[in-house]
Amino acid sequence: MTVRTRPSARCRKLLLEISRYLDGDLTPARRRQVEQHIGACECCVTMAARLRRTVAACRVEGSRRPPRAVMSRAAARIRALIAKSEQRPRDVAGARSARNKSGNTAG
């Protein structure tokens, strides 16, 4: 059996349902349909297996605290982004005011 390098359109549409399937969020009837498709489709069985591994890795990592240095860098970056977003409205208003004073009303 050959393995597709790209999933079909049907398999791409099913990807969200595979996620719900793994989370146990499908109706029993839809769960059986997804199981039937996964059982017959090598592409989807591969996607489901990869998604299972990804979810498991996220759960493991989600229970660990990041190193202090990472937390400090993230906090500094967030503060910088907040400061930048707070400055932007004043800068835009100031630029408009300067253009209006110079007689340039475009923009």
N, C-alpha and C. Protein backbone atom coordinates (compact mmCIF):
# COMPACT_ATOMS: atom_id res chain seq x y z
N MET A 1 0.84 -1.18 0.00
CA MET A 1 0.00 0.00 0.00
C MET A 1 0.89 1.24 0.00
N THR A 2 0.57 2.18 -0.84
CA THR A 2 1.36 3.41 -0.89
C THR A 2 0.79 4.43 0.09
N VAL A 3 1.68 5.24 0.61
CA VAL A 3 1.27 6.28 1.56
C VAL A 3 1.19 7.59 0.80
N ARG A 4 0.06 8.26 0.94
CA ARG A 4 -0.08 9.57 0.31
C ARG A 4 0.83 10.57 1.00
N THR A 5 1.39 11.45 0.21
CA THR A 5 2.22 12.49 0.81
C THR A 5 1.35 13.65 1.27
N ARG A 6 0.17 13.81 0.66
CA ARG A 6 -0.76 14.88 1.04
C ARG A 6 -2.13 14.26 1.28
N PRO A 7 -2.80 14.69 2.36
CA PRO A 7 -4.14 14.14 2.60
C PRO A 7 -5.14 14.63 1.56
N SER A 8 -6.14 13.81 1.28
CA SER A 8 -7.19 14.19 0.34
C SER A 8 -8.05 15.30 0.96
N ALA A 9 -8.91 15.89 0.16
CA ALA A 9 -9.81 16.93 0.66
C ALA A 9 -10.70 16.37 1.77
N ARG A 10 -11.17 15.15 1.58
CA ARG A 10 -12.02 14.52 2.61
C ARG A 10 -11.25 14.34 3.92
N CYS A 11 -10.00 13.93 3.82
CA CYS A 11 -9.18 13.73 5.02
C CYS A 11 -8.89 15.06 5.71
N ARG A 12 -8.65 16.11 4.94
CA ARG A 12 -8.41 17.43 5.54
C ARG A 12 -9.65 17.90 6.29
N LYS A 13 -10.84 17.66 5.72
CA LYS A 13 -12.08 18.03 6.40
C LYS A 13 -12.26 17.22 7.68
N LEU A 14 -11.80 15.99 7.65
CA LEU A 14 -11.96 15.09 8.79
C LEU A 14 -10.99 15.41 9.93
N LEU A 15 -9.96 16.19 9.66
CA LEU A 15 -8.94 16.46 10.67
C LEU A 15 -9.54 17.03 11.95
N LEU A 16 -10.44 18.00 11.84
CA LEU A 16 -11.08 18.56 13.03
C LEU A 16 -11.86 17.49 13.77
N GLU A 17 -12.52 16.64 13.03
CA GLU A 17 -13.29 15.58 13.68
C GLU A 17 -12.38 14.55 14.32
N ILE A 18 -11.21 14.34 13.76
CA ILE A 18 -10.26 13.42 14.40
C ILE A 18 -9.86 13.98 15.76
N SER A 19 -9.68 15.28 15.84
CA SER A 19 -9.38 15.91 17.12
C SER A 19 -10.52 15.70 18.11
N ARG A 20 -11.75 15.92 17.65
CA ARG A 20 -12.91 15.71 18.52
C ARG A 20 -13.06 14.24 18.88
N TYR A 21 -12.74 13.37 17.93
CA TYR A 21 -12.79 11.93 18.16
C TYR A 21 -11.83 11.55 19.30
N LEU A 22 -10.60 12.05 19.23
CA LEU A 22 -9.62 11.73 20.26
C LEU A 22 -10.01 12.30 21.62
N ASP A 23 -10.74 13.42 21.61
CA ASP A 23 -11.19 14.04 22.86
C ASP A 23 -12.47 13.41 23.39
N GLY A 24 -13.08 12.51 22.60
CA GLY A 24 -14.33 11.87 23.02
C GLY A 24 -15.54 12.78 22.88
N ASP A 25 -15.48 13.74 21.95
CA ASP A 25 -16.54 14.73 21.80
C ASP A 25 -17.50 14.45 20.65
N LEU A 26 -17.48 13.27 20.08
CA LEU A 26 -18.39 12.95 18.97
C LEU A 26 -19.56 12.11 19.48
N THR A 27 -20.67 12.18 18.75
CA THR A 27 -21.80 11.30 19.07
C THR A 27 -21.35 9.87 18.79
N PRO A 28 -21.99 8.89 19.42
CA PRO A 28 -21.59 7.51 19.16
C PRO A 28 -21.66 7.13 17.68
N ALA A 29 -22.69 7.62 16.97
CA ALA A 29 -22.82 7.28 15.55
C ALA A 29 -21.67 7.90 14.74
N ARG A 30 -21.35 9.17 15.00
CA ARG A 30 -20.27 9.82 14.25
C ARG A 30 -18.93 9.22 14.63
N ARG A 31 -18.78 8.83 15.89
CA ARG A 31 -17.53 8.19 16.34
C ARG A 31 -17.29 6.91 15.54
N ARG A 32 -18.35 6.11 15.34
CA ARG A 32 -18.20 4.88 14.56
C ARG A 32 -17.81 5.18 13.12
N GLN A 33 -18.39 6.24 12.53
CA GLN A 33 -18.05 6.61 11.15
C GLN A 33 -16.58 7.03 11.05
N VAL A 34 -16.13 7.83 12.01
CA VAL A 34 -14.73 8.27 11.98
C VAL A 34 -13.81 7.07 12.18
N GLU A 35 -14.15 6.19 13.11
CA GLU A 35 -13.34 4.99 13.34
C GLU A 35 -13.26 4.14 12.08
N GLN A 36 -14.38 4.02 11.39
CA GLN A 36 -14.41 3.24 10.15
C GLN A 36 -13.48 3.86 9.11
N HIS A 37 -13.54 5.18 8.97
CA HIS A 37 -12.68 5.85 7.99
C HIS A 37 -11.21 5.71 8.39
N ILE A 38 -10.90 5.95 9.65
CA ILE A 38 -9.51 5.84 10.11
C ILE A 38 -8.99 4.42 9.88
N GLY A 39 -9.84 3.44 10.11
CA GLY A 39 -9.44 2.04 9.90
C GLY A 39 -9.13 1.71 8.46
N ALA A 40 -9.72 2.45 7.52
CA ALA A 40 -9.53 2.17 6.10
C ALA A 40 -8.57 3.14 5.41
N CYS A 41 -8.16 4.20 6.11
CA CYS A 41 -7.36 5.25 5.47
C CYS A 41 -6.01 5.40 6.18
N GLU A 42 -4.98 5.02 5.48
CA GLU A 42 -3.64 5.09 6.07
C GLU A 42 -3.23 6.53 6.40
N CYS A 43 -3.68 7.45 5.57
CA CYS A 43 -3.38 8.86 5.81
C CYS A 43 -3.99 9.32 7.15
N CYS A 44 -5.25 8.99 7.37
CA CYS A 44 -5.93 9.43 8.59
C CYS A 44 -5.44 8.68 9.83
N VAL A 45 -5.08 7.42 9.66
CA VAL A 45 -4.54 6.69 10.81
C VAL A 45 -3.21 7.34 11.22
N THR A 46 -2.44 7.81 10.25
CA THR A 46 -1.18 8.49 10.54
C THR A 46 -1.47 9.84 11.22
N MET A 47 -2.44 10.60 10.68
CA MET A 47 -2.78 11.89 11.29
C MET A 47 -3.28 11.69 12.72
N ALA A 48 -4.11 10.68 12.95
CA ALA A 48 -4.64 10.44 14.29
C ALA A 48 -3.51 10.07 15.25
N ALA A 49 -2.59 9.24 14.80
CA ALA A 49 -1.47 8.85 15.66
C ALA A 49 -0.58 10.05 15.99
N ARG A 50 -0.32 10.88 15.00
CA ARG A 50 0.50 12.08 15.25
C ARG A 50 -0.21 13.04 16.19
N LEU A 51 -1.51 13.21 16.00
CA LEU A 51 -2.27 14.10 16.87
C LEU A 51 -2.30 13.57 18.30
N ARG A 52 -2.45 12.26 18.45
CA ARG A 52 -2.40 11.65 19.80
C ARG A 52 -1.08 11.96 20.48
N ARG A 53 0.04 11.78 19.73
CA ARG A 53 1.37 12.06 20.31
C ARG A 53 1.52 13.53 20.66
N THR A 54 1.01 14.41 19.79
CA THR A 54 1.11 15.85 20.04
C THR A 54 0.33 16.24 21.29
N VAL A 55 -0.89 15.73 21.42
CA VAL A 55 -1.72 16.03 22.59
C VAL A 55 -1.05 15.51 23.86
N ALA A 56 -0.51 14.31 23.80
CA ALA A 56 0.17 13.75 24.97
C ALA A 56 1.38 14.60 25.35
N ALA A 57 2.15 15.03 24.36
CA ALA A 57 3.33 15.86 24.65
C ALA A 57 2.91 17.20 25.26
N CYS A 58 1.84 17.78 24.75
CA CYS A 58 1.35 19.06 25.29
C CYS A 58 0.89 18.89 26.73
N ARG A 59 0.24 17.79 27.02
CA ARG A 59 -0.23 17.56 28.39
C ARG A 59 0.95 17.42 29.34
N VAL A 60 1.99 16.72 28.92
CA VAL A 60 3.18 16.56 29.76
C VAL A 60 3.85 17.91 29.98
N GLU A 61 4.06 18.65 28.89
CA GLU A 61 4.73 19.95 28.99
C GLU A 61 3.87 20.96 29.72
N GLY A 62 2.56 20.85 29.59
CA GLY A 62 1.67 21.80 30.25
C GLY A 62 1.73 21.71 31.76
N SER A 63 2.20 20.60 32.28
CA SER A 63 2.28 20.44 33.73
C SER A 63 3.61 20.95 34.29
N ARG A 64 4.54 21.32 33.44
CA ARG A 64 5.84 21.84 33.88
C ARG A 64 5.87 23.36 33.79
N ARG A 65 6.57 23.97 34.73
CA ARG A 65 6.78 25.42 34.68
C ARG A 65 7.99 25.71 33.81
N PRO A 66 7.88 26.72 32.96
CA PRO A 66 9.04 27.10 32.14
C PRO A 66 10.17 27.63 33.04
N PRO A 67 11.41 27.57 32.58
CA PRO A 67 12.52 28.11 33.37
C PRO A 67 12.31 29.59 33.66
N ARG A 68 12.87 30.06 34.77
CA ARG A 68 12.71 31.45 35.20
C ARG A 68 13.16 32.44 34.12
N ALA A 69 14.25 32.12 33.43
CA ALA A 69 14.76 33.03 32.39
C ALA A 69 13.75 33.17 31.26
N VAL A 70 13.11 32.09 30.89
CA VAL A 70 12.10 32.13 29.83
C VAL A 70 10.92 32.98 30.28
N MET A 71 10.48 32.80 31.52
CA MET A 71 9.37 33.58 32.05
C MET A 71 9.72 35.08 32.08
N SER A 72 10.95 35.40 32.46
CA SER A 72 11.38 36.80 32.51
C SER A 72 11.40 37.42 31.13
N ARG A 73 11.95 36.68 30.14
CA ARG A 73 11.97 37.20 28.76
C ARG A 73 10.57 37.39 28.22
N ALA A 74 9.69 36.44 28.51
CA ALA A 74 8.30 36.54 28.03
C ALA A 74 7.60 37.74 28.66
N ALA A 75 7.79 37.93 29.96
CA ALA A 75 7.16 39.07 30.64
C ALA A 75 7.68 40.39 30.09
N ALA A 76 8.98 40.45 29.83
CA ALA A 76 9.56 41.69 29.27
C ALA A 76 9.00 41.95 27.88
N ARG A 77 8.86 40.93 27.09
CA ARG A 77 8.32 41.09 25.73
C ARG A 77 6.87 41.54 25.77
N ILE A 78 6.10 40.97 26.68
CA ILE A 78 4.69 41.35 26.81
C ILE A 78 4.59 42.81 27.24
N ARG A 79 5.42 43.21 28.21
CA ARG A 79 5.40 44.62 28.64
C ARG A 79 5.76 45.54 27.49
N ALA A 80 6.75 45.17 26.68
CA ALA A 80 7.15 45.99 25.54
C ALA A 80 6.01 46.10 24.52
N LEU A 81 5.33 45.01 24.25
CA LEU A 81 4.21 45.03 23.30
C LEU A 81 3.07 45.89 23.82
N ILE A 82 2.79 45.79 25.11
CA ILE A 82 1.72 46.62 25.69
C ILE A 82 2.10 48.09 25.60
N ALA A 83 3.34 48.42 25.94
CA ALA A 83 3.78 49.81 25.87
C ALA A 83 3.69 50.32 24.45
N LYS A 84 4.08 49.50 23.48
CA LYS A 84 4.03 49.90 22.07
C LYS A 84 2.59 50.14 21.63
N SER A 85 1.68 49.27 22.05
CA SER A 85 0.28 49.43 21.64
C SER A 85 -0.35 50.65 22.31
N GLU A 86 0.10 51.00 23.51
CA GLU A 86 -0.42 52.19 24.18
C GLU A 86 0.09 53.47 23.53
N GLN A 87 1.28 53.42 22.94
CA GLN A 87 1.86 54.58 22.27
C GLN A 87 1.24 54.80 20.90
N ARG A 88 0.87 53.75 20.23
CA ARG A 88 0.42 53.82 18.83
C ARG A 88 -0.74 54.79 18.62
N PRO A 89 -1.83 54.76 19.40
CA PRO A 89 -2.93 55.70 19.13
C PRO A 89 -2.49 57.16 19.23
N ARG A 90 -1.64 57.50 20.19
CA ARG A 90 -1.16 58.87 20.31
C ARG A 90 -0.29 59.24 19.13
N ASP A 91 0.57 58.31 18.69
CA ASP A 91 1.44 58.57 17.54
C ASP A 91 0.62 58.83 16.29
N VAL A 92 -0.43 58.03 16.09
CA VAL A 92 -1.27 58.19 14.91
C VAL A 92 -1.98 59.54 14.97
N ALA A 93 -2.54 59.87 16.13
CA ALA A 93 -3.23 61.16 16.28
C ALA A 93 -2.25 62.31 16.08
N GLY A 94 -1.04 62.19 16.61
CA GLY A 94 -0.03 63.22 16.45
C GLY A 94 0.39 63.38 15.00
N ALA A 95 0.50 62.30 14.28
CA ALA A 95 0.88 62.35 12.87
C ALA A 95 -0.22 63.02 12.05
N ARG A 96 -1.47 62.71 12.36
CA ARG A 96 -2.58 63.35 11.65
C ARG A 96 -2.60 64.85 11.91
N SER A 97 -2.36 65.21 13.16
CA SER A 97 -2.36 66.62 13.54
C SER A 97 -1.26 67.36 12.80
N ALA A 98 -0.08 66.74 12.72
CA ALA A 98 1.05 67.37 12.03
C ALA A 98 0.75 67.53 10.54
N ARG A 99 0.11 66.53 9.92
CA ARG A 99 -0.24 66.62 8.50
C ARG A 99 -1.27 67.72 8.27
N ASN A 100 -2.25 67.80 9.16
CA ASN A 100 -3.29 68.82 9.02
C ASN A 100 -2.71 70.22 9.14
N LYS A 101 -1.75 70.40 10.05
CA LYS A 101 -1.13 71.71 10.23
C LYS A 101 -0.32 72.12 9.02
N SER A 102 0.26 71.11 8.35
CA SER A 102 1.09 71.41 7.18
C SER A 102 0.24 71.59 5.91
N GLY A 103 -1.07 71.36 6.04
CA GLY A 103 -1.96 71.52 4.90
C GLY A 103 -2.17 70.25 4.12
N ASN A 104 -1.54 69.15 4.53
CA ASN A 104 -1.69 67.86 3.87
C ASN A 104 -2.84 67.13 4.57
N THR A 105 -3.99 67.05 3.96
CA THR A 105 -5.16 66.42 4.58
C THR A 105 -5.39 64.99 4.11
N ALA A 106 -4.52 64.46 3.25
CA ALA A 106 -4.67 63.07 2.78
C ALA A 106 -4.30 62.15 3.89
N GLY A 107 -5.06 61.02 4.03
CA GLY A 107 -4.73 59.99 4.98
C GLY A 107 -5.39 60.20 6.22
